């Protein structure tokens, strides 16, 4: 059985990693010169309290040395390792894993290390990890699992909305003018992740409820042939669980889906999306 390594931007619960024996390499969040994610960690409550209090976090990717050490440590449990990485369109983390895997295979010739660029973020990346776990536990080998991920990662739909455009402005996703006017007018963008793994605005709606319902509209429009294959739906949120559950209730009403995994956006993704973000992840015919 092969070992799965991923990174913290999956936004999966810590209990999930432990239950399924997944090794995790942490990206870092820096607030007031203090780095969190290696020796110091922030709970979701602490992080969102700091951001709402006006703190401006920055983030740092996994570097090749960190990726190398994680892969090398995992070799003690077997020589087959599948690395499932954060979108190359949003971070250099995938490239760090790729470079580390090449070095590992040079230093440890018997090792077999594969790396997947998920082109995904948050629980979208987490959902692909979840499918990989299911395949591994069902007895699929590493290459079968890698091939499935590669052939289906562009069926992974991200639909999300934010409550505060200023966080997207700080991350360079919208202009300052759009952020100011949108905030005054109560404009809420609905966004997705495209085929290159980049965050892309889809449309603007007026008001929070319409933006949340817009996520479910996207699900209805995009599921297509995968409508009966989405046995579980993942929803992450920026410290707004009630809004995430509102989306889940609407999905259950429209499509009869009953199994959901909710988890807060971690500090790395949350630094760029901000409090009030709701993100919906499922498989569909198109991104």
C-alpha atoms as a PDB file:
ATOM      1  CA  UNK A   1       0.000   0.000   0.000  1.00  0.00           C
ATOM      2  CA  UNK A   2       1.413   3.381  -0.995  1.00  0.00           C
ATOM      3  CA  UNK A   3       1.872   6.416   1.244  1.00  0.00           C
ATOM      4  CA  UNK A   4       0.012   9.659   0.509  1.00  0.00           C
ATOM      5  CA  UNK A   5       1.660  13.020   1.213  1.00  0.00           C
ATOM      6  CA  UNK A   6      -0.182  16.307   0.767  1.00  0.00           C
ATOM      7  CA  UNK A   7       0.001  19.868   2.042  1.00  0.00           C
ATOM      8  CA  UNK A   8      -1.987  21.891   4.541  1.00  0.00           C
ATOM      9  CA  UNK A   9      -3.929  23.842   1.917  1.00  0.00           C
ATOM     10  CA  UNK A  10      -6.252  20.837   1.557  1.00  0.00           C
ATOM     11  CA  UNK A  11      -8.036  22.336   4.604  1.00  0.00           C
ATOM     12  CA  UNK A  12      -9.017  18.832   5.727  1.00  0.00           C
ATOM     13  CA  UNK A  13      -9.501  18.278   9.477  1.00  0.00           C
ATOM     14  CA  UNK A  14      -6.465  17.064  11.406  1.00  0.00           C
ATOM     15  CA  UNK A  15      -8.501  14.036  12.449  1.00  0.00           C
ATOM     16  CA  UNK A  16      -8.889  13.073   8.775  1.00  0.00           C
ATOM     17  CA  UNK A  17      -5.125  12.989   8.248  1.00  0.00           C
ATOM     18  CA  UNK A  18      -4.644  10.803  11.316  1.00  0.00           C
ATOM     19  CA  UNK A  19      -7.483   8.436  10.489  1.00  0.00           C
ATOM     20  CA  UNK A  20      -6.224   7.842   6.957  1.00  0.00           C
ATOM     21  CA  UNK A  21      -2.467   7.914   7.623  1.00  0.00           C
ATOM     22  CA  UNK A  22      -1.756  10.939   5.435  1.00  0.00           C
ATOM     23  CA  UNK A  23       1.490  12.850   5.842  1.00  0.00           C
ATOM     24  CA  UNK A  24       1.111  16.643   5.661  1.00  0.00           C
ATOM     25  CA  UNK A  25       3.620  19.383   4.838  1.00  0.00           C
ATOM     26  CA  UNK A  26       2.542  22.790   6.107  1.00  0.00           C
ATOM     27  CA  UNK A  27       2.561  26.051   4.243  1.00  0.00           C
ATOM     28  CA  UNK A  28       3.197  29.022   6.514  1.00  0.00           C
ATOM     29  CA  UNK A  29       1.161  32.027   7.579  1.00  0.00           C
ATOM     30  CA  UNK A  30       3.021  35.094   8.879  1.00  0.00           C
ATOM     31  CA  UNK A  31       1.327  37.665  11.109  1.00  0.00           C
ATOM     32  CA  UNK A  32       3.225  40.546  12.729  1.00  0.00           C
ATOM     33  CA  UNK A  33       6.501  38.831  11.911  1.00  0.00           C
ATOM     34  CA  UNK A  34       5.493  35.589  13.639  1.00  0.00           C
ATOM     35  CA  UNK A  35       5.450  32.468  11.460  1.00  0.00           C
ATOM     36  CA  UNK A  36       2.729  29.911  12.048  1.00  0.00           C
ATOM     37  CA  UNK A  37       2.563  26.430  10.550  1.00  0.00           C
ATOM     38  CA  UNK A  38       5.803  24.800  11.685  1.00  0.00           C
ATOM     39  CA  UNK A  39       6.519  25.229  15.404  1.00  0.00           C
ATOM     40  CA  UNK A  40       3.579  27.497  16.175  1.00  0.00           C
ATOM     41  CA  UNK A  41       0.016  26.894  15.057  1.00  0.00           C
ATOM     42  CA  UNK A  42      -3.161  28.963  15.021  1.00  0.00           C
ATOM     43  CA  UNK A  43      -6.631  27.595  15.586  1.00  0.00           C
ATOM     44  CA  UNK A  44      -9.312  28.793  13.173  1.00  0.00           C
ATOM     45  CA  UNK A  45     -10.903  30.885  15.915  1.00  0.00           C
ATOM     46  CA  UNK A  46      -7.582  32.571  16.730  1.00  0.00           C
ATOM     47  CA  UNK A  47      -6.764  33.227  13.089  1.00  0.00           C
ATOM     48  CA  UNK A  48     -10.122  34.750  12.133  1.00  0.00           C
ATOM     49  CA  UNK A  49     -10.198  36.815  15.317  1.00  0.00           C
ATOM     50  CA  UNK A  50      -6.815  38.299  14.355  1.00  0.00           C
ATOM     51  CA  UNK A  51      -7.907  39.026  10.769  1.00  0.00           C
ATOM     52  CA  UNK A  52     -11.160  40.622  11.892  1.00  0.00           C
ATOM     53  CA  UNK A  53      -9.075  42.695  14.285  1.00  0.00           C
ATOM     54  CA  UNK A  54      -7.200  44.180  11.364  1.00  0.00           C
ATOM     55  CA  UNK A  55      -4.144  41.929  11.099  1.00  0.00           C
ATOM     56  CA  UNK A  56      -2.785  41.482   7.563  1.00  0.00           C
ATOM     57  CA  UNK A  57      -1.307  37.986   7.156  1.00  0.00           C
ATOM     58  CA  UNK A  58       1.069  36.880   4.434  1.00  0.00           C
ATOM     59  CA  UNK A  59       1.817  33.312   3.387  1.00  0.00           C
ATOM     60  CA  UNK A  60       4.781  31.189   2.351  1.00  0.00           C
ATOM     61  CA  UNK A  61       4.865  28.051   0.190  1.00  0.00           C
ATOM     62  CA  UNK A  62       6.445  24.669   0.908  1.00  0.00           C
ATOM     63  CA  UNK A  63      10.067  24.842  -0.238  1.00  0.00           C
ATOM     64  CA  UNK A  64      11.992  21.981  -1.924  1.00  0.00           C
ATOM     65  CA  UNK A  65      13.960  21.152   1.215  1.00  0.00           C
ATOM     66  CA  UNK A  66      10.777  20.765   3.279  1.00  0.00           C
ATOM     67  CA  UNK A  67       9.229  18.595   0.576  1.00  0.00           C
ATOM     68  CA  UNK A  68      12.397  16.473   0.370  1.00  0.00           C
ATOM     69  CA  UNK A  69      12.460  15.891   4.136  1.00  0.00           C
ATOM     70  CA  UNK A  70       8.798  14.869   4.154  1.00  0.00           C
ATOM     71  CA  UNK A  71       9.269  12.375   1.324  1.00  0.00           C
ATOM     72  CA  UNK A  72      12.487  11.023   2.824  1.00  0.00           C
ATOM     73  CA  UNK A  73      10.792  10.489   6.202  1.00  0.00           C
ATOM     74  CA  UNK A  74       7.911   8.647   4.541  1.00  0.00           C
ATOM     75  CA  UNK A  75      10.320   6.217   2.879  1.00  0.00           C
ATOM     76  CA  UNK A  76      10.686   4.480   6.249  1.00  0.00           C
ATOM     77  CA  UNK A  77       7.117   3.227   5.770  1.00  0.00           C
ATOM     78  CA  UNK A  78       7.514   2.053   2.175  1.00  0.00           C
ATOM     79  CA  UNK A  79       9.084   3.114  -1.102  1.00  0.00           C
ATOM     80  CA  UNK A  80       5.883   4.062  -2.972  1.00  0.00           C
ATOM     81  CA  UNK A  81       4.802   7.638  -2.302  1.00  0.00           C
ATOM     82  CA  UNK A  82       2.090   9.700  -3.972  1.00  0.00           C
ATOM     83  CA  UNK A  83       2.367  13.466  -3.416  1.00  0.00           C
ATOM     84  CA  UNK A  84      -0.882  15.380  -3.983  1.00  0.00           C
ATOM     85  CA  UNK A  85      -0.069  19.087  -4.204  1.00  0.00           C
ATOM     86  CA  UNK A  86      -1.667  22.536  -4.090  1.00  0.00           C
ATOM     87  CA  UNK A  87      -2.449  24.155  -7.461  1.00  0.00           C
ATOM     88  CA  UNK A  88       0.604  25.307  -9.420  1.00  0.00           C
ATOM     89  CA  UNK A  89      -1.544  28.242 -10.519  1.00  0.00           C
ATOM     90  CA  UNK A  90      -1.624  29.568  -6.963  1.00  0.00           C
ATOM     91  CA  UNK A  91       1.644  28.453  -5.360  1.00  0.00           C
ATOM     92  CA  UNK A  92       5.120  27.091  -6.039  1.00  0.00           C
ATOM     93  CA  UNK A  93       4.401  24.187  -3.661  1.00  0.00           C
ATOM     94  CA  UNK A  94       3.765  21.683  -6.467  1.00  0.00           C
ATOM     95  CA  UNK A  95       7.082  22.581  -8.082  1.00  0.00           C
ATOM     96  CA  UNK A  96       8.846  22.086  -4.738  1.00  0.00           C
ATOM     97  CA  UNK A  97       7.384  18.580  -4.502  1.00  0.00           C
ATOM     98  CA  UNK A  98       8.376  17.876  -8.100  1.00  0.00           C
ATOM     99  CA  UNK A  99      11.967  18.964  -7.569  1.00  0.00           C
ATOM    100  CA  UNK A 100      12.174  17.061  -4.277  1.00  0.00           C
ATOM    101  CA  UNK A 101      10.818  13.891  -5.901  1.00  0.00           C
ATOM    102  CA  UNK A 102      13.490  14.062  -8.607  1.00  0.00           C
ATOM    103  CA  UNK A 103      16.207  14.438  -5.980  1.00  0.00           C
ATOM    104  CA  UNK A 104      14.782  11.627  -3.848  1.00  0.00           C
ATOM    105  CA  UNK A 105      14.760   9.248  -6.813  1.00  0.00           C
ATOM    106  CA  UNK A 106      18.412  10.118  -7.420  1.00  0.00           C
ATOM    107  CA  UNK A 107      19.388   9.601  -3.773  1.00  0.00           C
ATOM    108  CA  UNK A 108      17.157   6.567  -3.224  1.00  0.00           C
ATOM    109  CA  UNK A 109      17.075   4.597  -6.505  1.00  0.00           C
ATOM    110  CA  UNK A 110      14.584   2.026  -5.161  1.00  0.00           C
ATOM    111  CA  UNK A 111      12.021   4.703  -4.315  1.00  0.00           C
ATOM    112  CA  UNK A 112       8.954   5.304  -6.448  1.00  0.00           C
ATOM    113  CA  UNK A 113       7.585   8.837  -6.019  1.00  0.00           C
ATOM    114  CA  UNK A 114       4.803  10.387  -8.082  1.00  0.00           C
ATOM    115  CA  UNK A 115       3.573  13.983  -7.828  1.00  0.00           C
ATOM    116  CA  UNK A 116       0.160  15.308  -8.875  1.00  0.00           C
ATOM    117  CA  UNK A 117      -0.557  18.983  -9.508  1.00  0.00           C
ATOM    118  CA  UNK A 118      -4.193  19.076  -8.403  1.00  0.00           C
ATOM    119  CA  UNK A 119      -4.854  22.509  -9.953  1.00  0.00           C
ATOM    120  CA  UNK A 120      -7.074  22.784  -6.879  1.00  0.00           C
ATOM    121  CA  UNK A 121      -7.243  24.601  -3.559  1.00  0.00           C
ATOM    122  CA  UNK A 122      -8.744  24.190  -0.094  1.00  0.00           C
ATOM    123  CA  UNK A 123     -11.261  21.355   0.179  1.00  0.00           C
ATOM    124  CA  UNK A 124     -11.138  21.021  -3.611  1.00  0.00           C
ATOM    125  CA  UNK A 125      -7.628  19.700  -3.193  1.00  0.00           C
ATOM    126  CA  UNK A 126      -8.957  17.882  -0.132  1.00  0.00           C
ATOM    127  CA  UNK A 127     -11.679  16.192  -2.164  1.00  0.00           C
ATOM    128  CA  UNK A 128      -9.084  14.820  -4.581  1.00  0.00           C
ATOM    129  CA  UNK A 129      -7.103  13.527  -1.597  1.00  0.00           C
ATOM    130  CA  UNK A 130     -10.312  11.915  -0.346  1.00  0.00           C
ATOM    131  CA  UNK A 131     -10.832  10.096  -3.639  1.00  0.00           C
ATOM    132  CA  UNK A 132      -7.189   8.970  -3.609  1.00  0.00           C
ATOM    133  CA  UNK A 133      -7.643   7.563  -0.100  1.00  0.00           C
ATOM    134  CA  UNK A 134     -10.725   5.669  -1.244  1.00  0.00           C
ATOM    135  CA  UNK A 135      -8.890   4.158  -4.184  1.00  0.00           C
ATOM    136  CA  UNK A 136      -5.867   3.205  -2.080  1.00  0.00           C
ATOM    137  CA  UNK A 137      -8.068   1.595   0.558  1.00  0.00           C
ATOM    138  CA  UNK A 138      -9.973  -0.284  -2.153  1.00  0.00           C
ATOM    139  CA  UNK A 139      -6.709  -1.867  -3.310  1.00  0.00           C
ATOM    140  CA  UNK A 140      -5.882   0.299  -6.314  1.00  0.00           C
ATOM    141  CA  UNK A 141      -2.167   0.715  -6.882  1.00  0.00           C
ATOM    142  CA  UNK A 142      -0.374   4.049  -6.884  1.00  0.00           C
ATOM    143  CA  UNK A 143      -0.297   4.501 -10.648  1.00  0.00           C
ATOM    144  CA  UNK A 144      -3.969   3.657 -11.039  1.00  0.00           C
ATOM    145  CA  UNK A 145      -4.735   6.239  -8.383  1.00  0.00           C
ATOM    146  CA  UNK A 146      -2.434   8.865  -9.923  1.00  0.00           C
ATOM    147  CA  UNK A 147      -3.945   8.267 -13.358  1.00  0.00           C
ATOM    148  CA  UNK A 148      -7.481   8.708 -11.985  1.00  0.00           C
ATOM    149  CA  UNK A 149      -6.516  11.977 -10.322  1.00  0.00           C
ATOM    150  CA  UNK A 150      -4.882  13.255 -13.511  1.00  0.00           C
ATOM    151  CA  UNK A 151      -7.875  12.323 -15.634  1.00  0.00           C
ATOM    152  CA  UNK A 152     -10.458  13.780 -13.217  1.00  0.00           C
ATOM    153  CA  UNK A 153      -8.808  16.848 -11.704  1.00  0.00           C
ATOM    154  CA  UNK A 154     -10.394  19.008 -14.388  1.00  0.00           C
ATOM    155  CA  UNK A 155     -13.790  17.686 -13.304  1.00  0.00           C
ATOM    156  CA  UNK A 156     -13.222  19.151  -9.837  1.00  0.00           C
ATOM    157  CA  UNK A 157     -15.446  22.223  -9.563  1.00  0.00           C
ATOM    158  CA  UNK A 158     -14.682  25.082  -7.161  1.00  0.00           C
ATOM    159  CA  UNK A 159     -17.566  27.506  -6.640  1.00  0.00           C
ATOM    160  CA  UNK A 160     -17.021  30.134  -3.993  1.00  0.00           C
ATOM    161  CA  UNK A 161     -17.998  33.568  -2.831  1.00  0.00           C
ATOM    162  CA  UNK A 162     -16.432  36.069  -0.460  1.00  0.00           C
ATOM    163  CA  UNK A 163     -18.004  38.542   1.931  1.00  0.00           C
ATOM    164  CA  UNK A 164     -15.245  41.161   1.787  1.00  0.00           C
ATOM    165  CA  UNK A 165     -13.683  42.131  -1.542  1.00  0.00           C
ATOM    166  CA  UNK A 166     -10.719  43.802   0.169  1.00  0.00           C
ATOM    167  CA  UNK A 167      -9.022  40.448   0.835  1.00  0.00           C
ATOM    168  CA  UNK A 168      -9.184  39.620  -2.888  1.00  0.00           C
ATOM    169  CA  UNK A 169      -7.811  43.086  -3.630  1.00  0.00           C
ATOM    170  CA  UNK A 170      -4.824  42.510  -1.336  1.00  0.00           C
ATOM    171  CA  UNK A 171      -4.170  39.243  -3.166  1.00  0.00           C
ATOM    172  CA  UNK A 172      -4.321  40.949  -6.557  1.00  0.00           C
ATOM    173  CA  UNK A 173      -7.557  39.239  -7.623  1.00  0.00           C
ATOM    174  CA  UNK A 174      -9.630  42.414  -8.060  1.00  0.00           C
ATOM    175  CA  UNK A 175      -8.724  46.078  -8.485  1.00  0.00           C
ATOM    176  CA  UNK A 176      -8.916  48.625  -5.678  1.00  0.00           C
ATOM    177  CA  UNK A 177     -11.754  50.402  -7.499  1.00  0.00           C
ATOM    178  CA  UNK A 178     -13.773  47.187  -7.777  1.00  0.00           C
ATOM    179  CA  UNK A 179     -13.172  46.469  -4.105  1.00  0.00           C
ATOM    180  CA  UNK A 180     -14.311  49.933  -2.969  1.00  0.00           C
ATOM    181  CA  UNK A 181     -17.348  50.209  -5.243  1.00  0.00           C
ATOM    182  CA  UNK A 182     -18.332  46.596  -4.664  1.00  0.00           C
ATOM    183  CA  UNK A 183     -18.166  46.991  -0.909  1.00  0.00           C
ATOM    184  CA  UNK A 184     -20.312  50.142  -0.963  1.00  0.00           C
ATOM    185  CA  UNK A 185     -22.860  48.569  -3.324  1.00  0.00           C
ATOM    186  CA  UNK A 186     -23.049  45.248  -1.485  1.00  0.00           C
ATOM    187  CA  UNK A 187     -21.642  43.378  -4.495  1.00  0.00           C
ATOM    188  CA  UNK A 188     -20.631  39.771  -3.824  1.00  0.00           C
ATOM    189  CA  UNK A 189     -18.528  38.006  -6.462  1.00  0.00           C
ATOM    190  CA  UNK A 190     -18.948  34.346  -7.355  1.00  0.00           C
ATOM    191  CA  UNK A 191     -15.605  32.863  -8.396  1.00  0.00           C
ATOM    192  CA  UNK A 192     -14.093  29.555  -9.474  1.00  0.00           C
ATOM    193  CA  UNK A 193     -10.735  27.939 -10.215  1.00  0.00           C
ATOM    194  CA  UNK A 194     -10.026  27.536 -13.930  1.00  0.00           C
ATOM    195  CA  UNK A 195      -8.251  24.806 -15.931  1.00  0.00           C
ATOM    196  CA  UNK A 196      -4.872  26.329 -15.129  1.00  0.00           C
ATOM    197  CA  UNK A 197      -5.567  26.395 -11.409  1.00  0.00           C
ATOM    198  CA  UNK A 198      -6.095  30.167 -11.143  1.00  0.00           C
ATOM    199  CA  UNK A 199      -8.805  32.001  -9.205  1.00  0.00           C
ATOM    200  CA  UNK A 200     -11.174  33.614 -11.707  1.00  0.00           C
ATOM    201  CA  UNK A 201     -14.235  35.831 -11.036  1.00  0.00           C
ATOM    202  CA  UNK A 202     -17.339  34.464 -12.770  1.00  0.00           C
ATOM    203  CA  UNK A 203     -19.982  37.080 -12.038  1.00  0.00           C
ATOM    204  CA  UNK A 204     -21.188  39.564  -9.448  1.00  0.00           C
ATOM    205  CA  UNK A 205     -24.462  39.441  -7.567  1.00  0.00           C
ATOM    206  CA  UNK A 206     -25.997  41.836  -5.088  1.00  0.00           C
ATOM    207  CA  UNK A 207     -26.419  40.530  -1.572  1.00  0.00           C
ATOM    208  CA  UNK A 208     -25.138  37.642   0.505  1.00  0.00           C
ATOM    209  CA  UNK A 209     -28.077  35.253   0.093  1.00  0.00           C
ATOM    210  CA  UNK A 210     -27.995  35.526  -3.697  1.00  0.00           C
ATOM    211  CA  UNK A 211     -24.274  34.789  -3.717  1.00  0.00           C
ATOM    212  CA  UNK A 212     -24.772  31.655  -1.610  1.00  0.00           C
ATOM    213  CA  UNK A 213     -27.632  30.457  -3.784  1.00  0.00           C
ATOM    214  CA  UNK A 214     -25.423  31.186  -6.789  1.00  0.00           C
ATOM    215  CA  UNK A 215     -23.026  28.478  -5.632  1.00  0.00           C
ATOM    216  CA  UNK A 216     -25.846  25.935  -5.741  1.00  0.00           C
ATOM    217  CA  UNK A 217     -26.941  27.240  -9.148  1.00  0.00           C
ATOM    218  CA  UNK A 218     -23.416  26.543 -10.389  1.00  0.00           C
ATOM    219  CA  UNK A 219     -23.627  23.018  -9.022  1.00  0.00           C
ATOM    220  CA  UNK A 220     -26.880  22.445 -10.882  1.00  0.00           C
ATOM    221  CA  UNK A 221     -25.373  23.799 -14.092  1.00  0.00           C
ATOM    222  CA  UNK A 222     -22.087  21.916 -13.929  1.00  0.00           C
ATOM    223  CA  UNK A 223     -22.659  18.477 -12.379  1.00  0.00           C
ATOM    224  CA  UNK A 224     -23.933  16.964 -15.609  1.00  0.00           C
ATOM    225  CA  UNK A 225     -23.006  13.297 -15.910  1.00  0.00           C
ATOM    226  CA  UNK A 226     -21.539  13.372 -12.393  1.00  0.00           C
ATOM    227  CA  UNK A 227     -24.882  14.166 -10.759  1.00  0.00           C
ATOM    228  CA  UNK A 228     -25.231  10.682  -9.277  1.00  0.00           C
ATOM    229  CA  UNK A 229     -21.509  10.255  -8.573  1.00  0.00           C
ATOM    230  CA  UNK A 230     -21.096  13.006  -5.977  1.00  0.00           C
ATOM    231  CA  UNK A 231     -21.635  10.807  -2.934  1.00  0.00           C
ATOM    232  CA  UNK A 232     -20.060  13.441  -0.682  1.00  0.00           C
ATOM    233  CA  UNK A 233     -19.901  17.212  -1.092  1.00  0.00           C
ATOM    234  CA  UNK A 234     -17.147  19.283   0.554  1.00  0.00           C
ATOM    235  CA  UNK A 235     -17.797  22.840   1.796  1.00  0.00           C
ATOM    236  CA  UNK A 236     -15.170  25.072   3.389  1.00  0.00           C
ATOM    237  CA  UNK A 237     -15.856  28.403   5.020  1.00  0.00           C
ATOM    238  CA  UNK A 238     -14.151  31.456   6.482  1.00  0.00           C
ATOM    239  CA  UNK A 239     -15.556  31.194  10.004  1.00  0.00           C
ATOM    240  CA  UNK A 240     -19.188  31.211   8.837  1.00  0.00           C
ATOM    241  CA  UNK A 241     -20.459  27.673   9.387  1.00  0.00           C
ATOM    242  CA  UNK A 242     -24.116  28.721   9.361  1.00  0.00           C
ATOM    243  CA  UNK A 243     -23.744  30.050   5.807  1.00  0.00           C
ATOM    244  CA  UNK A 244     -21.986  26.846   4.757  1.00  0.00           C
ATOM    245  CA  UNK A 245     -24.864  24.831   6.217  1.00  0.00           C
ATOM    246  CA  UNK A 246     -27.353  27.064   4.392  1.00  0.00           C
ATOM    247  CA  UNK A 247     -25.677  26.047   1.126  1.00  0.00           C
ATOM    248  CA  UNK A 248     -25.730  22.367   2.164  1.00  0.00           C
ATOM    249  CA  UNK A 249     -29.440  22.549   3.027  1.00  0.00           C
ATOM    250  CA  UNK A 250     -30.190  24.010  -0.381  1.00  0.00           C
ATOM    251  CA  UNK A 251     -28.154  21.248  -2.056  1.00  0.00           C
ATOM    252  CA  UNK A 252     -30.073  18.615  -0.138  1.00  0.00           C
ATOM    253  CA  UNK A 253     -33.389  20.195  -1.170  1.00  0.00           C
ATOM    254  CA  UNK A 254     -32.478  20.391  -4.855  1.00  0.00           C
ATOM    255  CA  UNK A 255     -30.394  17.278  -5.404  1.00  0.00           C
ATOM    256  CA  UNK A 256     -31.036  14.981  -2.431  1.00  0.00           C
ATOM    257  CA  UNK A 257     -27.385  14.988  -1.360  1.00  0.00           C
ATOM    258  CA  UNK A 258     -27.031  14.134   2.309  1.00  0.00           C
ATOM    259  CA  UNK A 259     -23.331  13.604   3.004  1.00  0.00           C
ATOM    260  CA  UNK A 260     -21.209  16.711   3.529  1.00  0.00           C
ATOM    261  CA  UNK A 261     -17.806  17.512   4.972  1.00  0.00           C
ATOM    262  CA  UNK A 262     -17.492  20.999   6.470  1.00  0.00           C
ATOM    263  CA  UNK A 263     -14.243  22.566   7.623  1.00  0.00           C
ATOM    264  CA  UNK A 264     -12.913  26.107   8.018  1.00  0.00           C
ATOM    265  CA  UNK A 265     -10.480  27.558   5.516  1.00  0.00           C
ATOM    266  CA  UNK A 266      -7.071  27.271   7.124  1.00  0.00           C
ATOM    267  CA  UNK A 267      -4.838  30.305   7.713  1.00  0.00           C
ATOM    268  CA  UNK A 268      -3.094  30.055   4.323  1.00  0.00           C
ATOM    269  CA  UNK A 269      -6.201  30.036   2.120  1.00  0.00           C
ATOM    270  CA  UNK A 270      -8.064  32.173   4.649  1.00  0.00           C
ATOM    271  CA  UNK A 271      -5.384  34.855   4.385  1.00  0.00           C
ATOM    272  CA  UNK A 272      -6.318  35.435   0.752  1.00  0.00           C
ATOM    273  CA  UNK A 273     -10.073  34.801   0.876  1.00  0.00           C
ATOM    274  CA  UNK A 274     -10.904  36.270   4.279  1.00  0.00           C
ATOM    275  CA  UNK A 275     -13.699  35.768   6.804  1.00  0.00           C
ATOM    276  CA  UNK A 276     -17.105  35.114   5.310  1.00  0.00           C
ATOM    277  CA  UNK A 277     -15.868  33.011   2.403  1.00  0.00           C
ATOM    278  CA  UNK A 278     -17.985  29.991   1.463  1.00  0.00           C
ATOM    279  CA  UNK A 279     -16.541  27.480  -1.006  1.00  0.00           C
ATOM    280  CA  UNK A 280     -18.319  24.494  -2.551  1.00  0.00           C
ATOM    281  CA  UNK A 281     -16.533  21.519  -4.148  1.00  0.00           C
ATOM    282  CA  UNK A 282     -17.909  18.683  -6.275  1.00  0.00           C
ATOM    283  CA  UNK A 283     -17.312  16.769  -9.504  1.00  0.00           C
ATOM    284  CA  UNK A 284     -18.831  18.071 -12.707  1.00  0.00           C
ATOM    285  CA  UNK A 285     -18.569  17.881 -16.484  1.00  0.00           C
ATOM    286  CA  UNK A 286     -16.672  21.182 -16.564  1.00  0.00           C
ATOM    287  CA  UNK A 287     -14.832  23.424 -14.151  1.00  0.00           C
END
